[in-house]
N, C-alpha and C. Protein backbone atom coordinates (compact mmCIF):
# COMPACT_ATOMS: atom_id res chain seq x y z
N MET A 1 -9.74 -15.99 8.53
CA MET A 1 -9.31 -15.43 7.25
C MET A 1 -8.50 -14.17 7.53
N ARG A 2 -7.35 -14.07 6.86
CA ARG A 2 -6.49 -12.89 7.02
C ARG A 2 -7.07 -11.72 6.24
N LYS A 3 -6.76 -10.51 6.69
CA LYS A 3 -7.35 -9.30 6.14
C LYS A 3 -6.39 -8.67 5.12
N LEU A 4 -6.98 -8.18 3.99
CA LEU A 4 -6.24 -7.41 3.00
C LEU A 4 -6.54 -5.93 3.25
N THR A 5 -5.50 -5.15 3.52
CA THR A 5 -5.64 -3.73 3.82
C THR A 5 -4.96 -2.91 2.73
N TYR A 6 -5.73 -2.06 2.10
CA TYR A 6 -5.17 -1.10 1.13
C TYR A 6 -4.78 0.13 1.93
N PHE A 7 -3.49 0.29 2.20
CA PHE A 7 -2.93 1.39 2.97
C PHE A 7 -2.31 2.33 1.96
N VAL A 8 -2.96 3.47 1.72
CA VAL A 8 -2.61 4.28 0.56
C VAL A 8 -2.59 5.76 0.88
N ALA A 9 -1.72 6.47 0.20
CA ALA A 9 -1.66 7.93 0.29
C ALA A 9 -2.39 8.51 -0.92
N CYS A 10 -3.18 9.57 -0.68
CA CYS A 10 -3.88 10.19 -1.81
C CYS A 10 -4.08 11.68 -1.56
N SER A 11 -4.43 12.37 -2.62
CA SER A 11 -4.74 13.79 -2.55
C SER A 11 -6.19 13.98 -2.12
N LEU A 12 -6.58 15.23 -1.89
CA LEU A 12 -7.97 15.52 -1.53
C LEU A 12 -8.95 15.07 -2.61
N ASP A 13 -8.49 15.09 -3.86
CA ASP A 13 -9.37 14.70 -4.96
C ASP A 13 -9.19 13.23 -5.37
N GLY A 14 -8.59 12.43 -4.49
CA GLY A 14 -8.58 10.98 -4.66
C GLY A 14 -7.52 10.41 -5.58
N PHE A 15 -6.45 11.16 -5.85
CA PHE A 15 -5.39 10.66 -6.72
C PHE A 15 -4.19 10.22 -5.88
N ILE A 16 -3.57 9.10 -6.27
CA ILE A 16 -2.39 8.60 -5.56
C ILE A 16 -1.10 9.12 -6.18
N GLY A 17 -1.24 9.89 -7.21
CA GLY A 17 -0.10 10.51 -7.88
C GLY A 17 -0.59 11.29 -9.07
N ASP A 18 0.34 11.97 -9.72
CA ASP A 18 -0.01 12.71 -10.92
C ASP A 18 -0.31 11.73 -12.05
N PRO A 19 -0.60 12.18 -13.27
CA PRO A 19 -0.94 11.24 -14.34
C PRO A 19 0.13 10.19 -14.62
N ASP A 20 1.40 10.49 -14.28
CA ASP A 20 2.48 9.52 -14.45
C ASP A 20 2.72 8.68 -13.20
N GLY A 21 1.92 8.92 -12.15
CA GLY A 21 2.07 8.17 -10.91
C GLY A 21 3.04 8.78 -9.93
N ASP A 22 3.60 9.93 -10.26
CA ASP A 22 4.56 10.60 -9.37
C ASP A 22 3.81 11.19 -8.18
N ALA A 23 4.21 10.80 -6.97
CA ALA A 23 3.56 11.27 -5.75
C ALA A 23 4.49 12.12 -4.89
N THR A 24 5.57 12.62 -5.47
CA THR A 24 6.55 13.36 -4.66
C THR A 24 5.97 14.63 -4.04
N ALA A 25 4.91 15.20 -4.61
CA ALA A 25 4.29 16.39 -4.02
C ALA A 25 3.80 16.12 -2.60
N MET A 26 3.48 14.87 -2.29
CA MET A 26 2.99 14.52 -0.95
C MET A 26 4.12 14.48 0.08
N MET A 27 5.35 14.37 -0.38
CA MET A 27 6.49 14.23 0.54
C MET A 27 6.67 15.45 1.45
N SER A 28 6.21 16.60 1.02
CA SER A 28 6.38 17.81 1.84
C SER A 28 5.58 17.76 3.14
N PHE A 29 4.65 16.81 3.25
CA PHE A 29 3.84 16.68 4.46
C PHE A 29 4.43 15.70 5.47
N LEU A 30 5.58 15.15 5.17
CA LEU A 30 6.22 14.20 6.08
C LEU A 30 6.99 14.94 7.17
N ASP A 31 6.25 15.61 8.05
CA ASP A 31 6.88 16.33 9.14
C ASP A 31 7.09 15.39 10.34
N GLU A 32 7.67 15.89 11.40
CA GLU A 32 8.05 15.04 12.54
C GLU A 32 6.84 14.34 13.16
N GLU A 33 5.72 15.04 13.31
CA GLU A 33 4.54 14.42 13.91
C GLU A 33 4.05 13.25 13.07
N PHE A 34 3.98 13.45 11.75
CA PHE A 34 3.47 12.39 10.88
C PHE A 34 4.46 11.25 10.76
N LEU A 35 5.75 11.58 10.69
CA LEU A 35 6.78 10.52 10.64
C LEU A 35 6.75 9.69 11.92
N ASP A 36 6.49 10.34 13.05
CA ASP A 36 6.40 9.60 14.32
C ASP A 36 5.24 8.62 14.28
N TYR A 37 4.11 9.02 13.70
CA TYR A 37 2.97 8.10 13.53
C TYR A 37 3.38 6.89 12.69
N LEU A 38 4.03 7.13 11.56
CA LEU A 38 4.45 6.02 10.69
C LEU A 38 5.42 5.10 11.42
N ARG A 39 6.36 5.69 12.12
CA ARG A 39 7.42 4.95 12.82
C ARG A 39 6.87 4.11 13.96
N THR A 40 5.92 4.66 14.71
CA THR A 40 5.47 3.99 15.94
C THR A 40 4.19 3.17 15.77
N GLU A 41 3.31 3.59 14.86
CA GLU A 41 2.01 2.92 14.77
C GLU A 41 1.84 2.02 13.56
N VAL A 42 2.55 2.31 12.48
CA VAL A 42 2.40 1.47 11.26
C VAL A 42 3.78 1.16 10.64
N PRO A 43 4.73 0.73 11.46
CA PRO A 43 6.09 0.52 10.92
C PRO A 43 6.18 -0.59 9.88
N ASP A 44 5.23 -1.52 9.89
CA ASP A 44 5.25 -2.60 8.90
C ASP A 44 5.10 -2.07 7.48
N THR A 45 4.47 -0.89 7.33
CA THR A 45 4.21 -0.33 6.00
C THR A 45 5.40 0.45 5.46
N LEU A 46 6.42 0.65 6.26
CA LEU A 46 7.60 1.39 5.81
C LEU A 46 8.54 0.46 5.04
N PRO A 47 9.13 0.95 3.95
CA PRO A 47 10.15 0.15 3.27
C PRO A 47 11.30 -0.15 4.25
N THR A 48 11.98 -1.23 4.01
CA THR A 48 13.05 -1.67 4.89
C THR A 48 14.12 -0.59 5.06
N ALA A 49 14.46 0.12 4.00
CA ALA A 49 15.47 1.18 4.10
C ALA A 49 15.03 2.28 5.07
N ALA A 50 13.74 2.62 5.08
CA ALA A 50 13.23 3.63 6.01
C ALA A 50 13.26 3.09 7.44
N ARG A 51 12.93 1.83 7.61
CA ARG A 51 12.99 1.23 8.94
C ARG A 51 14.42 1.29 9.49
N ARG A 52 15.39 1.00 8.62
CA ARG A 52 16.80 1.09 9.05
C ARG A 52 17.16 2.52 9.43
N ALA A 53 16.73 3.47 8.63
CA ALA A 53 17.04 4.88 8.90
C ALA A 53 16.43 5.33 10.23
N PHE A 54 15.28 4.79 10.59
CA PHE A 54 14.63 5.14 11.85
C PHE A 54 15.13 4.30 13.03
N GLY A 55 16.00 3.33 12.75
CA GLY A 55 16.53 2.49 13.81
C GLY A 55 15.56 1.45 14.32
N ILE A 56 14.59 1.05 13.48
CA ILE A 56 13.59 0.07 13.91
C ILE A 56 13.60 -1.17 13.00
N ASP A 57 14.70 -1.40 12.33
CA ASP A 57 14.78 -2.52 11.39
C ASP A 57 14.55 -3.87 12.07
N ASP A 58 14.92 -3.99 13.32
CA ASP A 58 14.77 -5.27 14.02
C ASP A 58 13.42 -5.39 14.75
N ARG A 59 12.57 -4.40 14.61
CA ARG A 59 11.26 -4.43 15.27
C ARG A 59 10.39 -5.50 14.63
N PRO A 60 9.77 -6.36 15.44
CA PRO A 60 8.91 -7.42 14.87
C PRO A 60 7.69 -6.81 14.18
N ASN A 61 7.21 -7.51 13.16
CA ASN A 61 5.99 -7.07 12.48
C ASN A 61 4.82 -7.18 13.45
N GLU A 62 3.96 -6.17 13.42
CA GLU A 62 2.84 -6.11 14.35
C GLU A 62 1.49 -6.24 13.66
N ARG A 63 1.43 -5.82 12.40
CA ARG A 63 0.13 -5.78 11.72
C ARG A 63 0.12 -6.59 10.43
N PHE A 64 1.23 -6.56 9.69
CA PHE A 64 1.33 -7.24 8.39
C PHE A 64 2.55 -8.15 8.34
N ASP A 65 2.41 -9.26 7.61
CA ASP A 65 3.57 -10.10 7.34
C ASP A 65 3.79 -10.29 5.84
N THR A 66 2.91 -9.69 5.03
CA THR A 66 2.94 -9.87 3.58
C THR A 66 2.61 -8.54 2.91
N VAL A 67 3.26 -8.27 1.79
CA VAL A 67 2.96 -7.09 0.98
C VAL A 67 2.69 -7.52 -0.45
N VAL A 68 1.69 -6.91 -1.06
CA VAL A 68 1.36 -7.12 -2.48
C VAL A 68 1.43 -5.75 -3.13
N GLN A 69 2.16 -5.66 -4.22
CA GLN A 69 2.26 -4.39 -4.94
C GLN A 69 2.28 -4.62 -6.43
N GLY A 70 1.98 -3.57 -7.16
CA GLY A 70 2.01 -3.64 -8.61
C GLY A 70 3.41 -3.36 -9.14
N ARG A 71 3.59 -3.61 -10.42
CA ARG A 71 4.88 -3.42 -11.06
C ARG A 71 5.37 -1.98 -10.95
N GLY A 72 4.47 -1.01 -11.18
CA GLY A 72 4.87 0.39 -11.11
C GLY A 72 5.39 0.78 -9.75
N SER A 73 4.73 0.35 -8.69
CA SER A 73 5.19 0.63 -7.33
C SER A 73 6.54 -0.04 -7.07
N TYR A 74 6.66 -1.27 -7.52
CA TYR A 74 7.91 -2.02 -7.31
C TYR A 74 9.06 -1.37 -8.08
N GLU A 75 8.79 -0.87 -9.26
CA GLU A 75 9.86 -0.29 -10.08
C GLU A 75 10.43 1.00 -9.52
N VAL A 76 9.71 1.67 -8.62
CA VAL A 76 10.26 2.87 -7.97
C VAL A 76 11.55 2.49 -7.24
N GLY A 77 11.52 1.38 -6.51
CA GLY A 77 12.72 0.90 -5.83
C GLY A 77 13.75 0.33 -6.78
N LEU A 78 13.28 -0.41 -7.78
CA LEU A 78 14.20 -1.01 -8.75
C LEU A 78 15.07 0.05 -9.42
N GLU A 79 14.49 1.19 -9.71
CA GLU A 79 15.25 2.27 -10.35
C GLU A 79 16.38 2.76 -9.47
N GLU A 80 16.27 2.52 -8.15
CA GLU A 80 17.32 2.90 -7.20
C GLU A 80 18.21 1.70 -6.84
N GLY A 81 18.01 0.58 -7.52
CA GLY A 81 18.80 -0.61 -7.24
C GLY A 81 18.29 -1.44 -6.08
N ILE A 82 17.06 -1.17 -5.62
CA ILE A 82 16.47 -1.90 -4.50
C ILE A 82 15.59 -3.01 -5.06
N THR A 83 16.02 -4.25 -4.89
CA THR A 83 15.26 -5.39 -5.43
C THR A 83 14.33 -6.01 -4.41
N SER A 84 14.55 -5.72 -3.13
CA SER A 84 13.72 -6.26 -2.05
C SER A 84 13.32 -5.12 -1.12
N PRO A 85 12.33 -4.29 -1.54
CA PRO A 85 12.01 -3.08 -0.78
C PRO A 85 11.38 -3.33 0.59
N TYR A 86 10.72 -4.45 0.76
CA TYR A 86 10.07 -4.77 2.03
C TYR A 86 10.62 -6.10 2.55
N ALA A 87 11.90 -6.12 2.85
CA ALA A 87 12.57 -7.37 3.24
C ALA A 87 12.01 -7.94 4.54
N HIS A 88 11.33 -7.13 5.33
CA HIS A 88 10.74 -7.59 6.59
C HIS A 88 9.39 -8.27 6.37
N LEU A 89 8.90 -8.29 5.12
CA LEU A 89 7.63 -8.92 4.78
C LEU A 89 7.83 -9.93 3.65
N ARG A 90 6.87 -10.85 3.50
CA ARG A 90 6.83 -11.67 2.28
C ARG A 90 6.36 -10.75 1.17
N GLN A 91 7.04 -10.79 0.02
CA GLN A 91 6.78 -9.81 -1.02
C GLN A 91 6.26 -10.47 -2.31
N TYR A 92 5.15 -9.90 -2.81
CA TYR A 92 4.55 -10.34 -4.07
C TYR A 92 4.38 -9.12 -4.96
N VAL A 93 4.76 -9.27 -6.22
CA VAL A 93 4.61 -8.19 -7.19
C VAL A 93 3.75 -8.71 -8.33
N ALA A 94 2.63 -8.03 -8.58
CA ALA A 94 1.74 -8.40 -9.68
C ALA A 94 2.26 -7.75 -10.96
N SER A 95 2.67 -8.58 -11.91
CA SER A 95 3.18 -8.05 -13.17
C SER A 95 3.11 -9.12 -14.25
N ARG A 96 2.55 -8.74 -15.39
CA ARG A 96 2.53 -9.64 -16.54
C ARG A 96 3.76 -9.43 -17.42
N THR A 97 4.52 -8.37 -17.15
CA THR A 97 5.65 -8.02 -18.03
C THR A 97 7.01 -8.13 -17.38
N LEU A 98 7.09 -8.22 -16.07
CA LEU A 98 8.39 -8.21 -15.39
C LEU A 98 9.19 -9.47 -15.64
N GLY A 99 8.52 -10.58 -15.83
CA GLY A 99 9.25 -11.84 -16.09
C GLY A 99 9.82 -12.42 -14.82
N VAL A 100 11.11 -12.72 -14.84
CA VAL A 100 11.79 -13.34 -13.71
C VAL A 100 12.06 -12.30 -12.63
N SER A 101 11.85 -12.68 -11.39
CA SER A 101 12.09 -11.77 -10.28
C SER A 101 13.58 -11.45 -10.17
N PRO A 102 13.92 -10.18 -9.94
CA PRO A 102 15.32 -9.82 -9.75
C PRO A 102 15.84 -10.15 -8.35
N ASP A 103 14.98 -10.70 -7.49
CA ASP A 103 15.37 -11.01 -6.12
C ASP A 103 14.68 -12.29 -5.67
N PRO A 104 15.41 -13.21 -5.03
CA PRO A 104 14.78 -14.47 -4.60
C PRO A 104 13.70 -14.28 -3.54
N ASP A 105 13.68 -13.12 -2.86
CA ASP A 105 12.68 -12.87 -1.83
C ASP A 105 11.43 -12.18 -2.35
N VAL A 106 11.37 -11.96 -3.65
CA VAL A 106 10.22 -11.31 -4.28
C VAL A 106 9.61 -12.26 -5.30
N GLU A 107 8.34 -12.61 -5.09
CA GLU A 107 7.64 -13.50 -6.02
C GLU A 107 6.83 -12.67 -7.00
N ILE A 108 7.00 -12.94 -8.28
CA ILE A 108 6.23 -12.28 -9.33
C ILE A 108 4.95 -13.08 -9.55
N VAL A 109 3.82 -12.41 -9.53
CA VAL A 109 2.53 -13.04 -9.81
C VAL A 109 2.08 -12.53 -11.17
N ALA A 110 2.24 -13.37 -12.19
CA ALA A 110 1.96 -12.95 -13.56
C ALA A 110 0.50 -13.17 -13.96
N ASP A 111 -0.14 -14.16 -13.36
CA ASP A 111 -1.51 -14.50 -13.72
C ASP A 111 -2.34 -14.69 -12.46
N ASP A 112 -3.63 -14.40 -12.56
CA ASP A 112 -4.61 -14.64 -11.50
C ASP A 112 -4.17 -14.08 -10.15
N VAL A 113 -3.91 -12.77 -10.11
CA VAL A 113 -3.52 -12.14 -8.86
C VAL A 113 -4.65 -12.22 -7.84
N VAL A 114 -5.89 -12.19 -8.28
CA VAL A 114 -7.02 -12.31 -7.35
C VAL A 114 -6.98 -13.67 -6.67
N GLY A 115 -6.77 -14.73 -7.44
CA GLY A 115 -6.67 -16.08 -6.88
C GLY A 115 -5.51 -16.20 -5.90
N ARG A 116 -4.38 -15.58 -6.24
CA ARG A 116 -3.20 -15.63 -5.36
C ARG A 116 -3.49 -14.91 -4.04
N VAL A 117 -4.14 -13.75 -4.12
CA VAL A 117 -4.47 -13.01 -2.90
C VAL A 117 -5.50 -13.78 -2.07
N ARG A 118 -6.45 -14.41 -2.70
CA ARG A 118 -7.41 -15.23 -1.95
C ARG A 118 -6.69 -16.35 -1.21
N ALA A 119 -5.71 -16.97 -1.85
CA ALA A 119 -4.94 -18.03 -1.18
C ALA A 119 -4.15 -17.47 -0.01
N LEU A 120 -3.58 -16.29 -0.16
CA LEU A 120 -2.84 -15.65 0.94
C LEU A 120 -3.78 -15.33 2.10
N LYS A 121 -4.98 -14.84 1.78
CA LYS A 121 -5.95 -14.51 2.82
C LYS A 121 -6.41 -15.77 3.57
N ALA A 122 -6.45 -16.90 2.89
CA ALA A 122 -6.92 -18.15 3.49
C ALA A 122 -5.87 -18.81 4.39
N GLU A 123 -4.64 -18.34 4.34
CA GLU A 123 -3.59 -18.91 5.19
C GLU A 123 -3.88 -18.65 6.66
N GLU A 124 -3.36 -19.53 7.50
CA GLU A 124 -3.46 -19.32 8.95
C GLU A 124 -2.46 -18.24 9.34
N GLY A 125 -2.85 -17.42 10.30
CA GLY A 125 -1.93 -16.41 10.79
C GLY A 125 -2.65 -15.21 11.36
N ALA A 126 -1.99 -14.54 12.29
CA ALA A 126 -2.61 -13.40 12.96
C ALA A 126 -2.38 -12.09 12.23
N LEU A 127 -1.37 -12.04 11.37
CA LEU A 127 -1.03 -10.80 10.69
C LEU A 127 -1.68 -10.74 9.31
N GLY A 128 -1.90 -9.53 8.84
CA GLY A 128 -2.60 -9.33 7.58
C GLY A 128 -1.69 -9.09 6.39
N ILE A 129 -2.34 -8.67 5.31
CA ILE A 129 -1.67 -8.44 4.02
C ILE A 129 -1.81 -6.97 3.68
N TYR A 130 -0.69 -6.36 3.36
CA TYR A 130 -0.61 -4.93 3.04
C TYR A 130 -0.64 -4.78 1.52
N LEU A 131 -1.70 -4.16 1.01
CA LEU A 131 -1.77 -3.82 -0.41
C LEU A 131 -1.15 -2.44 -0.55
N CYS A 132 0.02 -2.41 -1.17
CA CYS A 132 0.83 -1.20 -1.27
C CYS A 132 0.44 -0.34 -2.47
N GLY A 133 -0.08 -0.91 -3.48
CA GLY A 133 -0.41 -0.17 -4.71
C GLY A 133 0.04 -0.99 -5.88
N GLY A 134 -0.24 -0.56 -7.00
CA GLY A 134 -0.77 0.72 -7.41
C GLY A 134 -2.23 0.68 -7.81
N SER A 135 -2.54 1.65 -8.60
CA SER A 135 -3.91 1.98 -8.96
C SER A 135 -4.64 0.83 -9.65
N ARG A 136 -4.07 0.30 -10.72
CA ARG A 136 -4.74 -0.79 -11.46
C ARG A 136 -4.86 -2.03 -10.60
N LEU A 137 -3.81 -2.35 -9.84
CA LEU A 137 -3.86 -3.53 -8.98
C LEU A 137 -4.95 -3.38 -7.93
N ALA A 138 -5.06 -2.20 -7.32
CA ALA A 138 -6.11 -1.97 -6.32
C ALA A 138 -7.49 -2.12 -6.94
N GLY A 139 -7.66 -1.64 -8.17
CA GLY A 139 -8.93 -1.82 -8.85
C GLY A 139 -9.25 -3.27 -9.09
N GLU A 140 -8.24 -4.04 -9.47
CA GLU A 140 -8.43 -5.46 -9.72
C GLU A 140 -8.76 -6.22 -8.43
N LEU A 141 -8.19 -5.76 -7.32
CA LEU A 141 -8.36 -6.46 -6.04
C LEU A 141 -9.46 -5.86 -5.15
N LEU A 142 -10.20 -4.88 -5.65
CA LEU A 142 -11.22 -4.22 -4.82
C LEU A 142 -12.15 -5.22 -4.13
N GLY A 143 -12.54 -6.26 -4.81
CA GLY A 143 -13.43 -7.26 -4.22
C GLY A 143 -12.81 -8.01 -3.06
N GLU A 144 -11.49 -7.97 -2.93
CA GLU A 144 -10.79 -8.67 -1.84
C GLU A 144 -10.38 -7.74 -0.70
N VAL A 145 -10.52 -6.42 -0.90
CA VAL A 145 -10.07 -5.46 0.11
C VAL A 145 -11.04 -5.47 1.31
N ASP A 146 -10.48 -5.73 2.49
CA ASP A 146 -11.28 -5.78 3.72
C ASP A 146 -11.22 -4.48 4.49
N GLU A 147 -10.14 -3.72 4.29
CA GLU A 147 -9.94 -2.49 5.05
C GLU A 147 -9.23 -1.47 4.17
N LEU A 148 -9.62 -0.22 4.32
CA LEU A 148 -8.95 0.91 3.66
C LEU A 148 -8.35 1.79 4.73
N VAL A 149 -7.08 2.10 4.61
CA VAL A 149 -6.44 3.12 5.45
C VAL A 149 -5.93 4.16 4.47
N ILE A 150 -6.61 5.32 4.47
CA ILE A 150 -6.34 6.35 3.47
C ILE A 150 -5.67 7.54 4.15
N LYS A 151 -4.41 7.77 3.76
CA LYS A 151 -3.68 8.94 4.24
C LYS A 151 -3.96 10.05 3.24
N THR A 152 -4.83 10.98 3.61
CA THR A 152 -5.23 12.04 2.69
C THR A 152 -4.39 13.29 2.95
N TYR A 153 -3.65 13.69 1.93
CA TYR A 153 -2.78 14.86 2.02
C TYR A 153 -3.54 16.09 1.52
N PRO A 154 -3.36 17.25 2.18
CA PRO A 154 -4.13 18.44 1.82
C PRO A 154 -3.60 19.13 0.56
N LEU A 155 -3.76 18.45 -0.55
CA LEU A 155 -3.40 19.03 -1.84
C LEU A 155 -4.32 18.46 -2.90
N VAL A 156 -4.46 19.19 -3.98
CA VAL A 156 -5.32 18.79 -5.10
C VAL A 156 -4.44 18.64 -6.33
N TYR A 157 -4.51 17.47 -6.95
CA TYR A 157 -3.77 17.25 -8.20
C TYR A 157 -4.55 17.76 -9.41
N GLY A 158 -5.87 17.66 -9.35
CA GLY A 158 -6.67 18.07 -10.50
C GLY A 158 -6.87 16.95 -11.50
N ARG A 159 -5.85 16.17 -11.70
CA ARG A 159 -5.92 14.97 -12.54
C ARG A 159 -4.77 14.08 -12.11
N GLY A 160 -4.90 12.81 -12.40
CA GLY A 160 -3.83 11.92 -11.98
C GLY A 160 -4.25 10.48 -11.95
N MET A 161 -3.55 9.70 -11.15
CA MET A 161 -3.77 8.27 -11.02
C MET A 161 -4.76 8.03 -9.88
N PRO A 162 -5.95 7.49 -10.17
CA PRO A 162 -6.96 7.30 -9.12
C PRO A 162 -6.58 6.18 -8.16
N MET A 163 -7.20 6.18 -6.98
CA MET A 163 -6.94 5.12 -5.99
C MET A 163 -7.27 3.75 -6.55
N PHE A 164 -8.36 3.65 -7.30
CA PHE A 164 -8.79 2.38 -7.89
C PHE A 164 -8.88 2.59 -9.39
N GLY A 165 -7.81 2.26 -10.09
CA GLY A 165 -7.72 2.55 -11.51
C GLY A 165 -8.18 1.42 -12.40
N THR A 166 -9.45 1.27 -12.53
CA THR A 166 -9.98 0.29 -13.46
C THR A 166 -11.39 0.73 -13.84
N SER A 167 -11.78 0.43 -15.02
CA SER A 167 -13.15 0.76 -15.41
C SER A 167 -14.09 -0.36 -14.98
N GLY A 168 -15.32 0.01 -14.75
CA GLY A 168 -16.32 -1.00 -14.42
C GLY A 168 -16.32 -1.46 -12.98
N VAL A 169 -15.73 -0.67 -12.06
CA VAL A 169 -15.76 -1.04 -10.65
C VAL A 169 -17.16 -0.79 -10.11
N ASP A 170 -17.71 -1.79 -9.45
CA ASP A 170 -19.02 -1.64 -8.84
C ASP A 170 -18.91 -0.84 -7.55
N ALA A 171 -19.98 -0.14 -7.20
CA ALA A 171 -20.02 0.59 -5.94
C ALA A 171 -19.81 -0.41 -4.80
N THR A 172 -18.93 -0.07 -3.88
CA THR A 172 -18.58 -0.94 -2.77
C THR A 172 -18.65 -0.13 -1.49
N ALA A 173 -19.42 -0.59 -0.52
CA ALA A 173 -19.63 0.15 0.71
C ALA A 173 -18.61 -0.22 1.78
N PHE A 174 -18.11 0.81 2.46
CA PHE A 174 -17.21 0.65 3.60
C PHE A 174 -17.77 1.47 4.75
N ALA A 175 -17.50 1.04 5.98
CA ALA A 175 -17.93 1.76 7.18
C ALA A 175 -16.73 2.45 7.80
N LEU A 176 -16.90 3.69 8.22
CA LEU A 176 -15.82 4.45 8.83
C LEU A 176 -15.54 3.91 10.23
N ASP A 177 -14.27 3.57 10.48
CA ASP A 177 -13.85 3.10 11.81
C ASP A 177 -13.13 4.18 12.60
N GLY A 178 -12.51 5.13 11.91
CA GLY A 178 -11.80 6.16 12.65
C GLY A 178 -11.16 7.19 11.74
N VAL A 179 -10.94 8.37 12.32
CA VAL A 179 -10.26 9.46 11.62
C VAL A 179 -9.23 10.04 12.57
N ARG A 180 -8.05 10.27 12.05
CA ARG A 180 -7.00 10.91 12.84
C ARG A 180 -6.48 12.10 12.07
N ALA A 181 -6.43 13.25 12.72
CA ALA A 181 -5.96 14.48 12.08
C ALA A 181 -4.59 14.84 12.61
N PHE A 182 -3.75 15.36 11.72
CA PHE A 182 -2.41 15.79 12.08
C PHE A 182 -2.30 17.30 11.86
N GLY A 183 -1.37 17.91 12.57
CA GLY A 183 -1.19 19.35 12.50
C GLY A 183 -0.84 19.88 11.13
N ASN A 184 -0.29 19.03 10.27
CA ASN A 184 0.09 19.45 8.91
C ASN A 184 -1.08 19.38 7.93
N GLY A 185 -2.27 19.01 8.42
CA GLY A 185 -3.45 18.91 7.57
C GLY A 185 -3.74 17.52 7.03
N VAL A 186 -2.85 16.56 7.27
CA VAL A 186 -3.07 15.19 6.82
C VAL A 186 -4.16 14.54 7.68
N LEU A 187 -5.04 13.79 7.02
CA LEU A 187 -6.03 12.97 7.70
C LEU A 187 -5.75 11.51 7.39
N VAL A 188 -5.85 10.66 8.39
CA VAL A 188 -5.77 9.21 8.17
C VAL A 188 -7.13 8.65 8.54
N ARG A 189 -7.83 8.15 7.52
CA ARG A 189 -9.16 7.59 7.70
C ARG A 189 -9.08 6.07 7.56
N THR A 190 -9.74 5.37 8.45
CA THR A 190 -9.77 3.91 8.41
C THR A 190 -11.21 3.45 8.20
N TYR A 191 -11.38 2.59 7.21
CA TYR A 191 -12.70 2.05 6.87
C TYR A 191 -12.63 0.52 6.85
N ARG A 192 -13.71 -0.12 7.24
CA ARG A 192 -13.81 -1.57 7.09
C ARG A 192 -14.91 -1.86 6.08
N ARG A 193 -14.69 -2.92 5.33
CA ARG A 193 -15.67 -3.29 4.29
C ARG A 193 -16.96 -3.78 4.93
N LYS A 194 -18.07 -3.31 4.41
CA LYS A 194 -19.37 -3.82 4.85
C LYS A 194 -19.63 -5.12 4.11
N ARG A 195 -19.83 -6.18 4.81
CA ARG A 195 -20.07 -7.49 4.18
C ARG A 195 -21.45 -7.98 4.55
């Protein structure tokens, strides 16, 4: 069974963005050390435009071959005219309102996103599935998340968009697999689901 990994950036108080979902305050922590980590250790999670800018666009996928994201996350790129933000991955966007996909390489999942993710997890393959966001989608898929990789930035929003934005989420236990600290104060914590 393939693994679903929620690879997410958040504040110290657990928000992935302000109340409108804006996470630009976290961008100030993208210093050379942290960018080197993204470039060398988790390049599959970078949008294709960033991979091109770093000169690694032709690098084979090492960890993920599929990305699942919510409409809000996808629309960040759409607003810039980017219809295929992760061209190096198979792309799925969960949306009941988007309608027809603006790109043939992006599949819109309008209904039963949990069922679709279960089918993706059941496929044969060595690479996993990257859950990119957003908040409501992560809440809906919490039961399918096998691994959490949380990039915690040293800032407090006070209020905002939670990592798992849904009411009625049951307590779910994860075991800590590792912590990595960066000079800018960012921590990357990796957890695996206790089953």
